[in-house]
C-alpha cells in the first residue's frame, strides 16, 4: 500500500472517529418534546380564502406576498403574516366597516407555508432537502416522508435535531435509518416548529 493511500486511510478513519464521537455525545431526541403550539399563524406565500358574507365581489382567494401583506378590493397592503386567521378576519372586518354595514368575514388557509419559525428544515442527505410547514402533532416520520426519505449516501443514524435558538439551543441524536429502513417505531419522535434536522453523508 502506498504511503499516500495509508495517509488517506488514516485521515478518513480519524474523521469517522471524530464524527461518531460527536454524535454519541448528544442525547437521543425526546419522544415527547412538551407543548405543541397548535395555533397556526399565517406566513408569506400562504394562500388564503377570504369570504365576506353576502358580498361575492369582495370574497376571493389571495396569496400572501413575500413582504407578508395582502391586497383585496377596498383594502391594500394589509399585514397578514404573523397573524392567526381569526386575527386577520377581525382586522379585515374593522377595515371594511366604513364601506359595509356589519361586515362578517371568514379567513381560511387553503395552502400554507407558515413563517420561518413555524417550519421544520431538513438539511443534508435527504432525497429532497427543504423546509416543511409545521402541522400539529407532526413527527419525524411525517417530515421524512415529505422530503422523500434518505439518499443512498446518508448516515441516517448520525443525523442530528437542532431545537431552539441562542443559549436555549439543544442538539439531539435521531435514528433515521432505524426508523425508515428497519421500521423501528421507537425511533419516531414528535417535532416542534423551528426544528432543524441535519443529515450527514456516510463516510465509506
N, C-alpha and C. Protein backbone atom coordinates (compact mmCIF):
# COMPACT_ATOMS: atom_id res chain seq x y z
N UNK A 1 0.86 -1.19 0.00
CA UNK A 1 0.00 0.00 0.00
C UNK A 1 0.89 1.24 0.00
N UNK A 2 0.59 2.21 -0.85
CA UNK A 2 1.40 3.41 -0.96
C UNK A 2 1.28 4.27 0.30
N UNK A 3 2.29 5.11 0.52
CA UNK A 3 2.27 5.99 1.68
C UNK A 3 1.09 6.97 1.59
N UNK A 4 0.84 7.47 0.37
CA UNK A 4 -0.27 8.42 0.19
C UNK A 4 -1.60 7.76 0.57
N UNK A 5 -1.78 6.50 0.14
CA UNK A 5 -3.03 5.83 0.46
C UNK A 5 -3.15 5.55 1.96
N UNK A 6 -2.01 5.22 2.58
CA UNK A 6 -2.02 4.99 4.03
C UNK A 6 -2.41 6.27 4.76
N UNK A 7 -1.87 7.39 4.31
CA UNK A 7 -2.21 8.67 4.94
C UNK A 7 -3.68 8.99 4.74
N UNK A 8 -4.18 8.70 3.53
CA UNK A 8 -5.59 8.97 3.24
C UNK A 8 -6.50 8.14 4.14
N UNK A 9 -6.15 6.86 4.32
CA UNK A 9 -6.96 5.99 5.18
C UNK A 9 -6.89 6.45 6.63
N UNK A 10 -5.72 6.90 7.06
CA UNK A 10 -5.58 7.39 8.43
C UNK A 10 -6.46 8.60 8.68
N UNK A 11 -6.44 9.53 7.70
CA UNK A 11 -7.28 10.72 7.84
C UNK A 11 -8.76 10.36 7.83
N UNK A 12 -9.13 9.41 6.96
CA UNK A 12 -10.52 9.00 6.87
C UNK A 12 -11.00 8.40 8.16
N UNK A 13 -10.21 7.46 8.75
CA UNK A 13 -10.62 6.83 9.99
C UNK A 13 -10.65 7.83 11.14
N UNK A 14 -9.74 8.80 11.11
CA UNK A 14 -9.75 9.84 12.14
C UNK A 14 -11.01 10.67 12.05
N UNK A 15 -11.40 11.02 10.81
CA UNK A 15 -12.63 11.80 10.62
C UNK A 15 -13.85 11.01 11.06
N UNK A 16 -13.88 9.72 10.73
CA UNK A 16 -15.00 8.89 11.14
C UNK A 16 -15.10 8.80 12.65
N UNK A 17 -13.95 8.66 13.28
CA UNK A 17 -13.95 8.58 14.74
C UNK A 17 -14.44 9.85 15.38
N UNK A 18 -14.02 10.98 14.80
CA UNK A 18 -14.46 12.27 15.34
C UNK A 18 -15.95 12.45 15.16
N UNK A 19 -16.46 12.03 13.99
CA UNK A 19 -17.90 12.17 13.73
C UNK A 19 -18.71 11.30 14.67
N UNK A 20 -18.30 10.06 14.84
CA UNK A 20 -19.02 9.15 15.73
C UNK A 20 -18.97 9.65 17.17
N UNK A 21 -17.82 10.16 17.56
CA UNK A 21 -17.69 10.67 18.93
C UNK A 21 -18.59 11.87 19.14
N UNK A 22 -18.65 12.74 18.11
CA UNK A 22 -19.51 13.93 18.23
C UNK A 22 -20.97 13.53 18.33
N UNK A 23 -21.39 12.58 17.48
CA UNK A 23 -22.79 12.16 17.50
C UNK A 23 -23.15 11.46 18.80
N UNK A 24 -22.22 10.67 19.31
CA UNK A 24 -22.51 9.92 20.52
C UNK A 24 -22.59 10.82 21.75
N UNK A 25 -22.09 12.07 21.61
CA UNK A 25 -22.11 12.98 22.76
C UNK A 25 -23.46 13.64 22.94
N UNK A 26 -24.35 13.49 21.95
CA UNK A 26 -25.67 14.10 22.05
C UNK A 26 -26.69 13.08 22.55
N UNK A 27 -27.62 13.52 23.38
CA UNK A 27 -28.67 12.59 23.85
C UNK A 27 -29.67 12.32 22.74
N UNK A 28 -30.39 11.21 22.87
CA UNK A 28 -31.47 10.93 21.93
C UNK A 28 -32.56 11.98 22.07
N UNK A 29 -33.20 12.32 20.95
CA UNK A 29 -34.30 13.29 20.98
C UNK A 29 -35.44 12.76 21.82
N UNK A 30 -36.05 13.61 22.66
CA UNK A 30 -37.18 13.14 23.47
C UNK A 30 -38.37 12.76 22.60
N UNK A 31 -39.04 11.69 22.96
CA UNK A 31 -40.21 11.25 22.20
C UNK A 31 -41.31 12.29 22.27
N UNK A 32 -41.48 12.90 23.44
CA UNK A 32 -42.48 13.95 23.64
C UNK A 32 -41.76 15.22 24.05
N UNK A 33 -41.66 16.23 23.15
CA UNK A 33 -40.91 17.44 23.48
C UNK A 33 -41.66 18.42 24.36
N UNK A 34 -42.91 18.13 24.69
CA UNK A 34 -43.67 19.04 25.54
C UNK A 34 -44.76 19.75 24.76
N UNK A 35 -44.91 21.04 25.05
CA UNK A 35 -46.03 21.81 24.50
C UNK A 35 -46.02 21.79 22.98
N UNK A 36 -47.17 21.57 22.41
CA UNK A 36 -47.36 21.59 20.97
C UNK A 36 -48.20 22.81 20.60
N UNK A 37 -47.55 23.88 20.10
CA UNK A 37 -48.32 25.09 19.77
C UNK A 37 -49.23 24.82 18.58
N UNK A 38 -50.51 24.77 18.83
CA UNK A 38 -51.45 24.35 17.79
C UNK A 38 -52.11 25.51 17.07
N UNK A 39 -51.86 26.75 17.48
CA UNK A 39 -52.48 27.90 16.83
C UNK A 39 -51.63 28.30 15.64
N UNK A 40 -52.21 28.21 14.47
CA UNK A 40 -51.47 28.50 13.24
C UNK A 40 -51.40 30.00 12.99
N UNK A 41 -50.21 30.46 12.64
CA UNK A 41 -50.05 31.85 12.24
C UNK A 41 -49.70 31.90 10.76
N UNK A 42 -50.24 32.87 10.08
CA UNK A 42 -50.09 33.00 8.63
C UNK A 42 -48.67 33.41 8.28
N UNK A 43 -48.17 32.87 7.17
CA UNK A 43 -46.84 33.21 6.70
C UNK A 43 -46.85 33.65 5.26
N UNK A 44 -45.72 34.17 4.80
CA UNK A 44 -45.59 34.57 3.41
C UNK A 44 -45.82 33.38 2.49
N UNK A 45 -46.50 33.63 1.36
CA UNK A 45 -46.82 32.65 0.33
C UNK A 45 -47.97 31.73 0.70
N UNK A 46 -48.56 31.90 1.89
CA UNK A 46 -49.78 31.17 2.21
C UNK A 46 -50.89 31.63 1.25
N UNK A 47 -51.75 30.69 0.87
CA UNK A 47 -52.90 31.04 0.03
C UNK A 47 -54.14 31.08 0.92
N UNK A 48 -54.81 32.21 0.92
CA UNK A 48 -55.95 32.43 1.82
C UNK A 48 -57.23 32.56 1.02
N UNK A 49 -58.29 32.05 1.60
CA UNK A 49 -59.62 32.29 1.07
C UNK A 49 -60.33 33.26 2.01
N UNK A 50 -60.62 34.44 1.49
CA UNK A 50 -61.31 35.46 2.29
C UNK A 50 -62.77 35.49 1.84
N UNK A 51 -63.64 35.18 2.78
CA UNK A 51 -65.07 35.10 2.47
C UNK A 51 -65.80 36.19 3.24
N UNK A 52 -66.39 37.12 2.51
CA UNK A 52 -67.18 38.19 3.09
C UNK A 52 -68.65 37.82 2.88
N UNK A 53 -69.32 37.51 3.95
CA UNK A 53 -70.71 37.04 3.86
C UNK A 53 -71.58 38.08 3.16
N UNK A 54 -72.32 37.59 2.12
CA UNK A 54 -73.26 38.45 1.41
C UNK A 54 -72.64 39.33 0.36
N UNK A 55 -71.32 39.18 0.10
CA UNK A 55 -70.67 40.02 -0.90
C UNK A 55 -69.68 39.17 -1.70
N UNK A 56 -70.13 38.67 -2.84
CA UNK A 56 -69.28 37.80 -3.66
C UNK A 56 -68.15 38.58 -4.33
N UNK A 57 -68.32 39.89 -4.53
CA UNK A 57 -67.26 40.67 -5.17
C UNK A 57 -66.05 40.85 -4.27
N UNK A 58 -66.28 40.87 -2.97
CA UNK A 58 -65.17 41.05 -2.04
C UNK A 58 -64.59 39.71 -1.58
N UNK A 59 -65.30 38.63 -1.81
CA UNK A 59 -64.83 37.30 -1.42
C UNK A 59 -63.90 36.78 -2.52
N UNK A 60 -62.72 36.35 -2.14
CA UNK A 60 -61.75 35.88 -3.13
C UNK A 60 -60.58 35.16 -2.48
N UNK A 61 -59.76 34.51 -3.31
CA UNK A 61 -58.54 33.89 -2.84
C UNK A 61 -57.36 34.82 -3.11
N UNK A 62 -56.49 34.94 -2.13
CA UNK A 62 -55.30 35.77 -2.28
C UNK A 62 -54.10 35.01 -1.75
N UNK A 63 -52.94 35.35 -2.27
CA UNK A 63 -51.69 34.77 -1.78
C UNK A 63 -50.93 35.84 -1.01
N UNK A 64 -50.46 35.49 0.15
CA UNK A 64 -49.70 36.44 0.96
C UNK A 64 -48.38 36.71 0.25
N UNK A 65 -48.09 37.98 0.03
CA UNK A 65 -46.87 38.35 -0.69
C UNK A 65 -45.64 38.07 0.17
N UNK A 66 -44.46 38.03 -0.47
CA UNK A 66 -43.23 37.80 0.31
C UNK A 66 -43.00 38.82 1.41
N UNK A 67 -43.60 40.03 1.27
CA UNK A 67 -43.46 41.03 2.33
C UNK A 67 -44.47 40.82 3.46
N UNK A 68 -45.29 39.76 3.35
CA UNK A 68 -46.22 39.44 4.42
C UNK A 68 -47.55 40.15 4.34
N UNK A 69 -47.81 40.87 3.24
CA UNK A 69 -49.03 41.66 3.12
C UNK A 69 -49.97 41.08 2.05
N UNK A 70 -51.22 41.48 2.10
CA UNK A 70 -52.20 41.11 1.09
C UNK A 70 -52.92 42.36 0.61
N UNK A 71 -53.51 42.23 -0.58
CA UNK A 71 -54.34 43.30 -1.12
C UNK A 71 -55.64 42.70 -1.62
N UNK A 72 -56.75 43.34 -1.30
CA UNK A 72 -58.07 42.93 -1.76
C UNK A 72 -58.84 44.18 -2.16
N UNK A 73 -59.98 44.02 -2.84
CA UNK A 73 -60.79 45.20 -3.15
C UNK A 73 -61.14 45.96 -1.86
N UNK A 74 -60.99 47.25 -1.91
CA UNK A 74 -61.24 48.18 -0.80
C UNK A 74 -60.12 48.17 0.24
N UNK A 75 -59.22 47.19 0.16
CA UNK A 75 -58.11 47.12 1.11
C UNK A 75 -56.80 47.00 0.34
N UNK A 76 -55.77 47.62 0.85
CA UNK A 76 -54.47 47.49 0.19
C UNK A 76 -53.37 47.40 1.24
N UNK A 77 -52.43 46.52 0.97
CA UNK A 77 -51.25 46.38 1.82
C UNK A 77 -51.58 46.13 3.28
N UNK A 78 -52.49 45.21 3.53
CA UNK A 78 -52.79 44.83 4.90
C UNK A 78 -51.82 43.74 5.34
N UNK A 79 -51.24 43.89 6.50
CA UNK A 79 -50.31 42.88 7.03
C UNK A 79 -51.10 41.63 7.41
N UNK A 80 -50.66 40.49 6.88
CA UNK A 80 -51.30 39.20 7.18
C UNK A 80 -50.35 38.26 7.92
N UNK A 81 -49.08 38.29 7.55
CA UNK A 81 -48.10 37.37 8.15
C UNK A 81 -47.96 37.62 9.64
N UNK A 82 -47.89 36.55 10.39
CA UNK A 82 -47.74 36.64 11.84
C UNK A 82 -49.06 36.68 12.59
N UNK A 83 -50.17 36.76 11.86
CA UNK A 83 -51.48 36.78 12.48
C UNK A 83 -52.14 35.40 12.36
N UNK A 84 -53.02 35.09 13.28
CA UNK A 84 -53.84 33.90 13.12
C UNK A 84 -54.96 34.23 12.13
N UNK A 85 -55.58 33.22 11.51
CA UNK A 85 -56.72 33.50 10.63
C UNK A 85 -57.82 34.30 11.32
N UNK A 86 -58.07 34.02 12.60
CA UNK A 86 -59.09 34.76 13.33
C UNK A 86 -58.70 36.23 13.50
N UNK A 87 -57.42 36.49 13.78
CA UNK A 87 -56.96 37.88 13.93
C UNK A 87 -57.08 38.63 12.61
N UNK A 88 -56.70 37.96 11.51
CA UNK A 88 -56.80 38.63 10.21
C UNK A 88 -58.27 38.87 9.85
N UNK A 89 -59.14 37.92 10.17
CA UNK A 89 -60.58 38.12 9.93
C UNK A 89 -61.08 39.36 10.66
N UNK A 90 -60.65 39.52 11.91
CA UNK A 90 -61.07 40.67 12.70
C UNK A 90 -60.54 41.97 12.10
N UNK A 91 -59.28 41.97 11.64
CA UNK A 91 -58.69 43.18 11.06
C UNK A 91 -59.42 43.57 9.77
N UNK A 92 -59.72 42.58 8.93
CA UNK A 92 -60.43 42.87 7.68
C UNK A 92 -61.83 43.39 7.98
N UNK A 93 -62.49 42.80 8.96
CA UNK A 93 -63.82 43.25 9.37
C UNK A 93 -63.81 44.72 9.74
N UNK A 94 -62.83 45.12 10.58
CA UNK A 94 -62.74 46.51 11.01
C UNK A 94 -62.45 47.43 9.83
N UNK A 95 -61.59 46.95 8.90
CA UNK A 95 -61.24 47.80 7.76
C UNK A 95 -62.41 47.98 6.80
N UNK A 96 -63.35 47.03 6.78
CA UNK A 96 -64.49 47.13 5.88
C UNK A 96 -65.68 47.89 6.46
N UNK A 97 -65.63 48.19 7.74
CA UNK A 97 -66.79 48.86 8.37
C UNK A 97 -67.17 50.18 7.70
N UNK A 98 -66.22 50.99 7.22
CA UNK A 98 -66.64 52.24 6.56
C UNK A 98 -67.41 51.99 5.25
N UNK A 99 -67.30 50.78 4.69
CA UNK A 99 -67.90 50.50 3.40
C UNK A 99 -69.11 49.56 3.47
N UNK A 100 -69.14 48.70 4.49
CA UNK A 100 -70.20 47.69 4.59
C UNK A 100 -70.80 47.74 5.99
N UNK A 101 -72.09 47.66 6.04
CA UNK A 101 -72.76 47.65 7.34
C UNK A 101 -72.65 46.24 7.96
N UNK A 102 -72.06 46.17 9.14
CA UNK A 102 -71.89 44.94 9.89
C UNK A 102 -71.27 43.83 9.03
N UNK A 103 -70.05 44.04 8.55
CA UNK A 103 -69.41 43.01 7.74
C UNK A 103 -69.08 41.77 8.58
N UNK A 104 -69.17 40.61 7.95
CA UNK A 104 -68.83 39.35 8.60
C UNK A 104 -67.83 38.64 7.70
N UNK A 105 -66.60 38.46 8.21
CA UNK A 105 -65.50 37.97 7.39
C UNK A 105 -64.94 36.68 7.98
N UNK A 106 -64.67 35.73 7.10
CA UNK A 106 -64.00 34.48 7.49
C UNK A 106 -62.75 34.32 6.64
N UNK A 107 -61.64 33.93 7.28
CA UNK A 107 -60.39 33.66 6.57
C UNK A 107 -60.01 32.20 6.77
N UNK A 108 -59.79 31.51 5.66
CA UNK A 108 -59.40 30.10 5.68
C UNK A 108 -58.07 29.96 4.96
N UNK A 109 -57.14 29.24 5.57
CA UNK A 109 -55.85 28.98 4.93
C UNK A 109 -55.98 27.71 4.11
N UNK A 110 -55.90 27.85 2.77
CA UNK A 110 -56.07 26.70 1.88
C UNK A 110 -54.75 26.00 1.58
N UNK A 111 -53.69 26.76 1.47
CA UNK A 111 -52.38 26.20 1.15
C UNK A 111 -51.36 26.96 1.97
N UNK A 112 -50.73 26.27 2.93
CA UNK A 112 -49.93 27.00 3.90
C UNK A 112 -48.44 26.70 3.78
N UNK A 113 -47.67 27.73 4.06
CA UNK A 113 -46.21 27.63 4.15
C UNK A 113 -45.77 27.95 5.56
N UNK A 114 -46.35 28.98 6.14
CA UNK A 114 -46.04 29.35 7.52
C UNK A 114 -44.80 30.21 7.62
N UNK A 115 -44.69 30.99 8.69
CA UNK A 115 -43.48 31.79 8.91
C UNK A 115 -42.28 30.88 9.17
N UNK A 116 -41.08 31.40 8.99
CA UNK A 116 -39.87 30.58 9.09
C UNK A 116 -39.75 29.87 10.43
N UNK A 117 -40.14 30.56 11.52
CA UNK A 117 -40.00 29.93 12.82
C UNK A 117 -41.07 28.89 13.09
N UNK A 118 -41.99 28.68 12.12
CA UNK A 118 -43.01 27.64 12.23
C UNK A 118 -42.75 26.50 11.25
N UNK A 119 -41.61 26.54 10.58
CA UNK A 119 -41.27 25.49 9.63
C UNK A 119 -40.24 24.53 10.24
N UNK A 120 -40.14 23.36 9.65
CA UNK A 120 -39.11 22.40 10.03
C UNK A 120 -38.20 22.25 8.82
N UNK A 121 -36.91 22.54 9.00
CA UNK A 121 -35.97 22.49 7.89
C UNK A 121 -35.16 21.20 7.92
N UNK A 122 -35.02 20.59 6.76
CA UNK A 122 -34.24 19.36 6.62
C UNK A 122 -33.06 19.66 5.71
N UNK A 123 -31.85 19.45 6.21
CA UNK A 123 -30.63 19.82 5.51
C UNK A 123 -29.75 18.59 5.35
N UNK A 124 -29.10 18.47 4.20
CA UNK A 124 -28.14 17.39 4.01
C UNK A 124 -28.68 16.28 3.13
N UNK A 125 -28.41 15.03 3.54
CA UNK A 125 -28.66 13.88 2.69
C UNK A 125 -30.09 13.36 2.75
N UNK A 126 -31.04 14.25 2.53
CA UNK A 126 -32.42 13.86 2.29
C UNK A 126 -32.63 13.85 0.78
N UNK A 127 -33.60 13.05 0.32
CA UNK A 127 -33.84 12.98 -1.12
C UNK A 127 -34.20 14.36 -1.68
N UNK A 128 -34.98 15.12 -0.94
CA UNK A 128 -35.36 16.47 -1.36
C UNK A 128 -35.29 17.41 -0.15
N UNK A 129 -34.10 17.82 0.25
CA UNK A 129 -33.99 18.69 1.43
C UNK A 129 -34.76 19.98 1.22
N UNK A 130 -35.55 20.35 2.20
CA UNK A 130 -36.42 21.51 2.06
C UNK A 130 -36.94 21.92 3.42
N UNK A 131 -37.72 23.01 3.44
CA UNK A 131 -38.42 23.43 4.65
C UNK A 131 -39.85 22.93 4.57
N UNK A 132 -40.32 22.27 5.62
CA UNK A 132 -41.65 21.68 5.66
C UNK A 132 -42.51 22.48 6.63
N UNK A 133 -43.68 22.94 6.20
CA UNK A 133 -44.56 23.66 7.13
C UNK A 133 -44.95 22.77 8.30
N UNK A 134 -44.89 23.32 9.51
CA UNK A 134 -45.24 22.54 10.69
C UNK A 134 -46.75 22.36 10.79
N UNK A 135 -47.14 21.14 11.16
CA UNK A 135 -48.54 20.86 11.44
C UNK A 135 -48.65 20.27 12.84
N UNK A 136 -49.78 20.45 13.45
CA UNK A 136 -49.98 19.96 14.80
C UNK A 136 -49.71 18.46 14.87
N UNK A 137 -49.01 18.06 15.92
CA UNK A 137 -48.68 16.65 16.19
C UNK A 137 -47.78 16.03 15.12
N UNK A 138 -46.99 16.85 14.44
CA UNK A 138 -46.08 16.34 13.42
C UNK A 138 -44.94 15.57 14.07
N UNK A 139 -44.54 14.47 13.43
CA UNK A 139 -43.45 13.64 13.95
C UNK A 139 -42.34 13.53 12.91
N UNK A 140 -41.27 12.89 13.32
CA UNK A 140 -40.10 12.73 12.46
C UNK A 140 -40.45 11.99 11.18
N UNK A 141 -41.26 10.96 11.27
CA UNK A 141 -41.60 10.18 10.07
C UNK A 141 -42.43 11.01 9.10
N UNK A 142 -43.28 11.90 9.59
CA UNK A 142 -44.06 12.78 8.71
C UNK A 142 -43.14 13.65 7.87
N UNK A 143 -42.12 14.22 8.52
CA UNK A 143 -41.20 15.11 7.82
C UNK A 143 -40.35 14.34 6.82
N UNK A 144 -39.88 13.15 7.21
CA UNK A 144 -39.03 12.38 6.31
C UNK A 144 -39.81 11.89 5.10
N UNK A 145 -41.07 11.58 5.27
CA UNK A 145 -41.90 11.24 4.11
C UNK A 145 -42.07 12.44 3.19
N UNK A 146 -42.19 13.63 3.78
CA UNK A 146 -42.36 14.85 2.98
C UNK A 146 -41.13 15.17 2.15
N UNK A 147 -39.93 14.79 2.63
CA UNK A 147 -38.70 15.08 1.89
C UNK A 147 -38.22 13.88 1.09
N UNK A 148 -39.02 12.82 1.05
CA UNK A 148 -38.68 11.68 0.20
C UNK A 148 -37.70 10.69 0.80
N UNK A 149 -37.48 10.76 2.11
CA UNK A 149 -36.58 9.81 2.75
C UNK A 149 -35.11 10.20 2.61
N UNK A 150 -34.24 9.21 2.78
CA UNK A 150 -32.79 9.42 2.75
C UNK A 150 -32.21 9.13 1.38
N UNK A 151 -31.07 9.74 1.08
CA UNK A 151 -30.32 9.37 -0.11
C UNK A 151 -29.53 8.10 0.19
N UNK A 152 -29.02 7.40 -0.84
CA UNK A 152 -28.21 6.21 -0.60
C UNK A 152 -26.91 6.51 0.14
N UNK A 153 -26.53 7.78 0.21
CA UNK A 153 -25.27 8.15 0.83
C UNK A 153 -25.42 8.67 2.25
N UNK A 154 -26.63 8.65 2.78
CA UNK A 154 -26.90 9.26 4.08
C UNK A 154 -26.44 8.38 5.24
N UNK A 155 -25.95 9.04 6.27
CA UNK A 155 -25.71 8.39 7.56
C UNK A 155 -26.93 8.69 8.42
N UNK A 156 -27.97 7.89 8.23
CA UNK A 156 -29.24 8.19 8.88
C UNK A 156 -29.18 8.19 10.39
N UNK A 157 -28.41 7.28 10.95
CA UNK A 157 -28.33 7.21 12.42
C UNK A 157 -27.34 8.21 12.99
N UNK A 158 -26.68 8.96 12.11
CA UNK A 158 -25.80 10.04 12.56
C UNK A 158 -26.47 11.39 12.47
N UNK A 159 -27.76 11.40 12.17
CA UNK A 159 -28.48 12.66 12.00
C UNK A 159 -28.69 13.35 13.34
N UNK A 160 -28.80 14.66 13.28
CA UNK A 160 -29.00 15.48 14.48
C UNK A 160 -30.24 16.33 14.33
N UNK A 161 -30.88 16.60 15.45
CA UNK A 161 -32.03 17.50 15.51
C UNK A 161 -31.62 18.70 16.37
N UNK A 162 -31.68 19.89 15.78
CA UNK A 162 -31.32 21.12 16.49
C UNK A 162 -32.61 21.86 16.83
N UNK A 163 -32.76 22.20 18.09
CA UNK A 163 -34.02 22.81 18.58
C UNK A 163 -33.71 24.06 19.40
N UNK A 164 -34.43 25.13 19.14
CA UNK A 164 -34.25 26.35 19.92
C UNK A 164 -33.21 27.26 19.31
N UNK A 165 -33.03 28.42 19.96
CA UNK A 165 -32.09 29.43 19.47
C UNK A 165 -31.20 29.91 20.60
N UNK A 166 -30.03 30.41 20.21
CA UNK A 166 -29.13 31.03 21.18
C UNK A 166 -28.75 30.11 22.32
N UNK A 167 -28.80 30.65 23.53
CA UNK A 167 -28.41 29.87 24.70
C UNK A 167 -29.39 28.74 24.99
N UNK A 168 -30.60 28.84 24.45
CA UNK A 168 -31.61 27.80 24.67
C UNK A 168 -31.51 26.67 23.65
N UNK A 169 -30.55 26.77 22.74
CA UNK A 169 -30.44 25.76 21.69
C UNK A 169 -30.01 24.41 22.27
N UNK A 170 -30.66 23.36 21.80
CA UNK A 170 -30.34 22.00 22.22
C UNK A 170 -30.16 21.13 20.97
N UNK A 171 -29.26 20.16 21.06
CA UNK A 171 -29.00 19.26 19.94
C UNK A 171 -29.19 17.83 20.40
N UNK A 172 -29.93 17.06 19.57
CA UNK A 172 -30.24 15.68 19.90
C UNK A 172 -29.84 14.77 18.74
N UNK A 173 -29.66 13.51 19.05
CA UNK A 173 -29.41 12.49 18.03
C UNK A 173 -30.75 11.88 17.63
N UNK A 174 -30.94 11.67 16.32
CA UNK A 174 -32.14 10.98 15.84
C UNK A 174 -31.71 9.80 14.96
N UNK A 175 -32.44 8.70 15.05
CA UNK A 175 -32.07 7.46 14.36
C UNK A 175 -32.96 7.27 13.13
N UNK A 176 -32.60 8.01 12.08
CA UNK A 176 -33.42 7.98 10.88
C UNK A 176 -33.34 6.64 10.15
N UNK A 177 -32.18 6.06 10.14
CA UNK A 177 -32.03 4.78 9.44
C UNK A 177 -32.84 3.68 10.14
N UNK A 178 -32.78 3.66 11.47
CA UNK A 178 -33.57 2.68 12.21
C UNK A 178 -35.06 2.87 11.94
N UNK A 179 -35.46 4.14 11.85
CA UNK A 179 -36.87 4.46 11.65
C UNK A 179 -37.35 4.08 10.25
N UNK A 180 -36.58 4.48 9.23
CA UNK A 180 -37.04 4.34 7.85
C UNK A 180 -36.71 3.00 7.22
N UNK A 181 -35.56 2.43 7.59
CA UNK A 181 -35.14 1.19 6.94
C UNK A 181 -35.45 -0.05 7.78
N UNK A 182 -35.44 0.12 9.10
CA UNK A 182 -35.69 -1.03 9.97
C UNK A 182 -37.08 -0.99 10.61
N UNK A 183 -37.87 0.05 10.27
CA UNK A 183 -39.24 0.20 10.79
C UNK A 183 -39.29 0.17 12.31
N UNK A 184 -38.27 0.78 12.94
CA UNK A 184 -38.23 0.86 14.40
C UNK A 184 -39.04 2.08 14.83
N UNK A 185 -40.30 1.84 15.20
CA UNK A 185 -41.20 2.94 15.53
C UNK A 185 -40.75 3.68 16.78
N UNK A 186 -39.92 3.04 17.60
CA UNK A 186 -39.40 3.71 18.79
C UNK A 186 -38.46 4.86 18.42
N UNK A 187 -37.98 4.85 17.18
CA UNK A 187 -37.09 5.93 16.73
C UNK A 187 -37.87 7.15 16.26
N UNK A 188 -39.19 7.05 16.21
CA UNK A 188 -40.02 8.19 15.81
C UNK A 188 -40.20 9.13 17.00
N UNK A 189 -40.04 10.43 16.77
CA UNK A 189 -40.18 11.40 17.85
C UNK A 189 -41.04 12.55 17.37
N UNK A 190 -41.69 13.22 18.30
CA UNK A 190 -42.50 14.40 17.98
C UNK A 190 -41.59 15.58 17.70
N UNK A 191 -42.03 16.47 16.81
CA UNK A 191 -41.25 17.64 16.44
C UNK A 191 -41.98 18.92 16.85
N UNK A 192 -41.20 20.00 16.89
CA UNK A 192 -41.75 21.31 17.21
C UNK A 192 -41.41 22.28 16.09
N UNK A 193 -42.21 23.33 15.90
CA UNK A 193 -41.89 24.31 14.86
C UNK A 193 -40.53 24.94 15.11
N UNK A 194 -39.78 25.12 14.04
CA UNK A 194 -38.44 25.69 14.15
C UNK A 194 -37.34 24.66 14.23
N UNK A 195 -37.70 23.37 14.38
CA UNK A 195 -36.68 22.31 14.45
C UNK A 195 -35.89 22.25 13.14
N UNK A 196 -34.61 21.89 13.25
CA UNK A 196 -33.75 21.69 12.09
C UNK A 196 -33.18 20.28 12.17
N UNK A 197 -33.30 19.53 11.08
CA UNK A 197 -32.78 18.16 11.03
C UNK A 197 -31.57 18.17 10.09
N UNK A 198 -30.42 17.76 10.61
CA UNK A 198 -29.18 17.73 9.86
C UNK A 198 -28.82 16.27 9.57
N UNK A 199 -28.69 15.92 8.28
CA UNK A 199 -28.40 14.55 7.89
C UNK A 199 -27.04 14.52 7.21
N UNK A 200 -26.03 13.93 7.86
CA UNK A 200 -24.69 13.91 7.26
C UNK A 200 -24.56 12.82 6.20
N UNK A 201 -23.51 12.91 5.43
CA UNK A 201 -23.15 11.88 4.47
C UNK A 201 -22.36 10.80 5.18
N UNK A 202 -22.63 9.54 4.85
CA UNK A 202 -21.90 8.44 5.46
C UNK A 202 -20.47 8.42 4.94
N UNK A 203 -19.54 8.12 5.83
CA UNK A 203 -18.14 8.01 5.46
C UNK A 203 -17.82 6.55 5.16
N UNK A 204 -17.48 6.26 3.92
CA UNK A 204 -17.24 4.88 3.49
C UNK A 204 -15.77 4.54 3.64
